[in-house]
Amino acid sequence: MGSATKQANFLLPEDLIEEMRRIVPKREQSKVVTEALKKELKRIKLKEVLQTSFGAWKDREHPELKAGAKAFIRKLRHSTRLSRP
């Protein structure tokens, strides 16, 4: 159930290629590079999302958390205990 593949040509530092060839079996090199690239792209996307969403949380919109999240959660848990049968 693999996806279509396409060859890509790009430059890598010589020492990095030599190390990969020494450590990774030939038939697994593309897989290793693919997985590393997927992880790096995921990291870059997450960083971008964090940067663009920074400041989205406004304290004035959440006054219930003024005393802190711990106090808010304790209050929620306390209130549900009273309504249990």
Protein backbone atom coordinates (compact mmCIF):
# COMPACT_ATOMS: atom_id res chain seq x y z
CA MET A 1 0.00 0.00 0.00
CA GLY A 2 2.79 2.41 -0.88
CA SER A 3 2.40 5.72 -2.59
CA ALA A 4 3.88 6.55 -5.96
CA THR A 5 7.54 7.43 -5.90
CA LYS A 6 9.54 9.85 -7.96
CA GLN A 7 13.27 10.34 -8.18
CA ALA A 8 14.68 13.59 -6.83
CA ASN A 9 18.19 14.90 -7.24
CA PHE A 10 19.66 17.18 -4.59
CA LEU A 11 23.00 17.81 -3.01
CA LEU A 12 24.07 16.54 0.40
CA PRO A 13 27.37 16.95 2.22
CA GLU A 14 29.81 14.26 1.16
CA ASP A 15 30.55 13.13 4.72
CA LEU A 16 26.83 12.66 5.39
CA ILE A 17 26.41 10.47 2.32
CA GLU A 18 29.49 8.43 3.23
CA GLU A 19 28.23 7.88 6.76
CA MET A 20 24.79 6.81 5.50
CA ARG A 21 26.31 4.40 3.00
CA ARG A 22 28.51 2.94 5.74
CA ILE A 23 25.68 2.48 8.26
CA VAL A 24 22.51 1.93 6.22
CA PRO A 25 22.09 -1.06 3.88
CA LYS A 26 21.74 -0.05 0.19
CA ARG A 27 18.12 -1.15 -0.11
CA GLU A 28 17.11 0.92 2.91
CA GLN A 29 18.82 4.23 2.12
CA SER A 30 15.84 5.82 0.36
CA LYS A 31 13.60 4.77 3.23
CA VAL A 32 15.92 6.35 5.80
CA VAL A 33 16.14 9.61 3.85
CA THR A 34 12.34 9.62 3.34
CA GLU A 35 11.65 9.14 7.04
CA ALA A 36 14.16 11.81 8.03
CA LEU A 37 12.63 14.26 5.55
CA LYS A 38 9.10 13.51 6.80
CA LYS A 39 10.16 14.20 10.39
CA GLU A 40 11.89 17.44 9.44
CA LEU A 41 8.91 18.66 7.38
CA LYS A 42 6.60 17.88 10.30
CA ARG A 43 8.89 19.85 12.62
CA ILE A 44 8.97 22.83 10.24
CA LYS A 45 5.16 22.81 9.88
CA LEU A 46 4.68 22.64 13.65
CA LYS A 47 7.10 25.51 14.18
CA GLU A 48 5.22 27.58 11.60
CA VAL A 49 1.86 26.85 13.25
CA LEU A 50 3.23 27.79 16.66
CA GLN A 51 4.63 31.04 15.32
CA THR A 52 1.44 32.03 13.50
CA SER A 53 -0.81 31.15 16.43
CA PHE A 54 1.32 32.89 19.05
CA GLY A 55 -0.81 35.40 20.91
CA ALA A 56 -4.12 33.82 19.90
CA TRP A 57 -4.91 33.11 23.54
CA LYS A 58 -6.22 36.24 25.23
CA ASP A 59 -6.41 36.31 29.03
CA ARG A 60 -9.39 38.66 28.92
CA GLU A 61 -11.34 35.99 26.99
CA HIS A 62 -10.68 33.38 29.70
CA PRO A 63 -11.21 35.05 33.09
CA GLU A 64 -11.96 31.64 34.62
CA LEU A 65 -8.25 30.85 34.37
CA LYS A 66 -7.07 34.01 36.14
CA ALA A 67 -6.19 32.03 39.28
CA GLY A 68 -4.39 29.43 37.16
CA ALA A 69 -5.30 26.23 35.38
CA LYS A 70 -4.81 24.11 38.50
CA ALA A 71 -7.42 26.10 40.45
CA PHE A 72 -9.82 26.00 37.49
CA ILE A 73 -9.54 22.20 37.15
CA ARG A 74 -9.93 21.73 40.92
CA LYS A 75 -13.11 23.82 40.79
CA LEU A 76 -14.47 21.78 37.88
CA ARG A 77 -13.76 18.50 39.63
CA HIS A 78 -15.24 19.74 42.88
CA SER A 79 -18.48 20.84 41.22
CA THR A 80 -18.99 17.47 39.48
CA ARG A 81 -18.50 15.57 42.74
CA LEU A 82 -21.48 17.36 44.26
CA SER A 83 -23.81 16.31 41.46
CA ARG A 84 -22.92 12.61 41.47
CA PRO A 85 -25.55 10.17 42.79
